[in-house]
Amino acid sequence: MTAGQRPQVDNFKKISSWAAILFAPTLVGTIYGMNFEHMPELGWSFGYPFAIGLMGLVCASLYVIFKRRDWL
């Protein structure tokens, strides 16, 4: 690997990490945004707070994983 390729690889890792972190809430949000009639979470009063918490937990977990691997 040449000296000029190392910063490009580091930038690629950072961009890929942030894309993965932002993909998780997008996926959960789009599933909940489809407004199905028969979603078990809709009858539960904590359905949407659970979804928001799930999104936050997944994002935080991915952030910690990527930070430990020195990708961020």
Protein backbone atom coordinates (compact mmCIF):
# COMPACT_ATOMS: atom_id res chain seq x y z
CA MET A 1 0.00 0.00 0.00
CA THR A 2 1.44 3.34 -0.95
CA ALA A 3 1.47 6.37 1.31
CA GLY A 4 -1.32 8.03 -0.66
CA GLN A 5 -3.69 5.07 -0.37
CA ARG A 6 -3.76 4.95 3.44
CA PRO A 7 -5.83 8.15 3.90
CA GLN A 8 -8.26 6.96 1.21
CA VAL A 9 -8.76 3.65 3.00
CA ASP A 10 -9.33 5.45 6.31
CA ASN A 11 -11.86 7.78 4.70
CA PHE A 12 -13.64 4.84 3.10
CA LYS A 13 -13.88 3.08 6.48
CA LYS A 14 -15.35 6.19 8.11
CA ILE A 15 -17.90 6.74 5.36
CA SER A 16 -18.90 3.06 5.44
CA SER A 17 -19.24 3.13 9.22
CA TRP A 18 -21.51 6.18 9.22
CA ALA A 19 -23.58 4.69 6.41
CA ALA A 20 -24.12 1.52 8.46
CA ILE A 21 -25.00 3.53 11.57
CA LEU A 22 -27.55 5.63 9.67
CA PHE A 23 -28.99 2.59 7.87
CA ALA A 24 -30.30 1.01 11.09
CA PRO A 25 -32.81 3.73 12.08
CA THR A 26 -33.77 4.15 8.43
CA LEU A 27 -34.66 0.48 8.19
CA VAL A 28 -36.69 0.42 11.41
CA GLY A 29 -38.36 3.73 10.57
CA THR A 30 -39.43 2.60 7.12
CA ILE A 31 -40.90 -0.62 8.48
CA TYR A 32 -42.89 1.30 11.09
CA GLY A 33 -43.81 3.95 8.53
CA MET A 34 -45.63 1.47 6.32
CA ASN A 35 -48.67 1.63 8.64
CA PHE A 36 -49.74 -1.99 8.45
CA GLU A 37 -53.08 -2.82 9.99
CA HIS A 38 -51.91 -5.90 11.85
CA MET A 39 -48.69 -4.91 13.57
CA PRO A 40 -48.54 -6.20 17.15
CA GLU A 41 -46.67 -3.11 18.26
CA LEU A 42 -49.56 -0.82 17.26
CA GLY A 43 -51.82 -2.25 19.97
CA TRP A 44 -49.11 -1.85 22.58
CA SER A 45 -48.81 1.60 24.15
CA PHE A 46 -45.02 1.34 24.23
CA GLY A 47 -44.71 0.25 20.58
CA TYR A 48 -43.29 3.44 19.15
CA PRO A 49 -41.09 4.27 22.15
CA PHE A 50 -39.76 0.73 21.84
CA ALA A 51 -38.98 1.33 18.16
CA ILE A 52 -37.20 4.61 18.94
CA GLY A 53 -35.25 2.91 21.72
CA LEU A 54 -34.35 0.05 19.40
CA MET A 55 -33.05 2.49 16.80
CA GLY A 56 -30.98 4.30 19.43
CA LEU A 57 -29.60 1.05 20.83
CA VAL A 58 -28.58 -0.26 17.41
CA CYS A 59 -26.95 3.05 16.45
CA ALA A 60 -25.09 3.30 19.74
CA SER A 61 -23.93 -0.32 19.46
CA LEU A 62 -22.65 0.18 15.93
CA TYR A 63 -20.92 3.39 16.97
CA VAL A 64 -19.12 1.61 19.84
CA ILE A 65 -18.14 -1.31 17.61
CA PHE A 66 -16.73 0.92 14.89
CA LYS A 67 -15.00 3.17 17.43
CA ARG A 68 -13.28 0.16 19.05
CA ARG A 69 -12.07 -1.04 15.66
CA ASP A 70 -10.72 2.46 15.00
CA TRP A 71 -12.95 3.03 12.00
CA LEU A 72 -14.31 6.27 13.43
